[in-house]
Protein backbone atom coordinates (compact mmCIF):
# COMPACT_ATOMS: atom_id res chain seq x y z
CA UNK A 1 -12.27 -17.62 1.13
CA UNK A 2 -15.04 -16.40 3.42
CA UNK A 3 -12.83 -13.49 4.47
CA UNK A 4 -12.60 -12.14 0.92
CA UNK A 5 -16.34 -12.46 0.44
CA UNK A 6 -16.91 -10.49 3.63
CA UNK A 7 -14.38 -7.88 2.49
CA UNK A 8 -16.12 -7.48 -0.87
CA UNK A 9 -19.49 -7.07 0.83
CA UNK A 10 -18.10 -4.43 3.21
CA UNK A 11 -16.50 -2.51 0.33
CA UNK A 12 -19.77 -2.65 -1.59
CA UNK A 13 -21.76 -1.42 1.43
CA UNK A 14 -19.39 1.53 1.91
CA UNK A 15 -19.52 2.42 -1.78
CA UNK A 16 -15.82 1.67 -2.27
CA UNK A 17 -16.17 -1.33 -4.56
CA UNK A 18 -14.41 -0.51 -7.84
CA UNK A 19 -16.64 -0.82 -10.90
CA UNK A 20 -14.46 0.44 -13.77
CA UNK A 21 -11.19 -0.82 -15.20
CA UNK A 22 -9.23 2.19 -13.98
CA UNK A 23 -10.64 1.85 -10.46
CA UNK A 24 -9.80 -1.87 -10.35
CA UNK A 25 -6.29 -1.14 -11.57
CA UNK A 26 -5.87 1.56 -8.92
CA UNK A 27 -7.04 -0.82 -6.18
CA UNK A 28 -4.72 -3.54 -7.50
CA UNK A 29 -1.73 -1.18 -7.44
CA UNK A 30 -2.64 0.08 -3.97
CA UNK A 31 -2.85 -3.50 -2.70
CA UNK A 32 0.45 -4.40 -4.31
CA UNK A 33 2.14 -1.37 -2.78
CA UNK A 34 0.70 -2.16 0.66
CA UNK A 35 1.88 -5.76 0.37
CA UNK A 36 5.41 -4.67 -0.58
CA UNK A 37 5.43 -2.07 2.21
CA UNK A 38 4.37 -4.67 4.79
CA UNK A 39 6.99 -7.10 3.48
CA UNK A 40 9.64 -4.37 3.67
CA UNK A 41 8.76 -3.59 7.30
CA UNK A 42 8.62 -7.27 8.24
CA UNK A 43 12.02 -7.98 6.73
CA UNK A 44 13.35 -4.83 8.39
CA UNK A 45 12.33 -6.21 11.79
CA UNK A 46 14.58 -9.19 11.22
CA UNK A 47 17.43 -6.92 10.04
CA UNK A 48 17.51 -8.59 6.64
CA UNK A 49 18.97 -6.55 3.81
CA UNK A 50 16.02 -7.51 1.59
CA UNK A 51 13.88 -5.00 3.48
CA UNK A 52 16.09 -2.12 2.39
CA UNK A 53 16.07 -3.41 -1.19
CA UNK A 54 12.28 -3.18 -1.32
CA UNK A 55 12.36 0.54 -0.48
CA UNK A 56 13.01 1.36 -4.11
CA UNK A 57 10.00 -0.67 -5.18
CA UNK A 58 7.66 0.72 -2.56
CA UNK A 59 8.69 4.37 -2.60
CA UNK A 60 10.16 4.65 -6.09
CA UNK A 61 13.63 5.66 -4.89
CA UNK A 62 16.21 4.62 -2.39
CA UNK A 63 16.04 6.72 0.78
CA UNK A 64 18.72 9.19 1.74
CA UNK A 65 17.90 8.91 5.45
CA UNK A 66 15.13 7.97 7.89
CA UNK A 67 13.37 11.34 7.58
CA UNK A 68 12.97 10.84 3.83
CA UNK A 69 11.43 7.43 4.38
CA UNK A 70 9.05 8.73 7.05
CA UNK A 71 8.00 11.66 4.86
CA UNK A 72 7.40 9.30 1.91
CA UNK A 73 5.31 6.95 4.08
CA UNK A 74 3.18 9.84 5.33
CA UNK A 75 2.71 11.04 1.74
CA UNK A 76 1.62 7.59 0.54
CA UNK A 77 -0.84 7.26 3.42
CA UNK A 78 -2.25 10.74 2.77
CA UNK A 79 -2.71 10.08 -0.94
CA UNK A 80 -4.38 6.73 -0.27
CA UNK A 81 -6.67 8.29 2.34
CA UNK A 82 -7.62 11.15 0.01
CA UNK A 83 -8.35 8.70 -2.79
CA UNK A 84 -10.56 6.55 -0.60
CA UNK A 85 -12.37 9.57 0.82
CA UNK A 86 -13.24 10.95 -2.63
């Protein structure tokens, strides 16, 4: 529990702590997407088919090939970075 308290304090110090309902919802959705992305990659390491199934949830569509997945990952990271930098 101490970790989350520290995280909240760091977010507040950096001015990234969400204060409105829309901002909290955006942070929640970002966290959920990051969790699903991490789960997808973890399951992919073990060559489980569940990892491929999560691609549709994380990226919104099933990939055609590896380049599409890489391009989508870069896009998600760029959008998240731009949102946090604003």
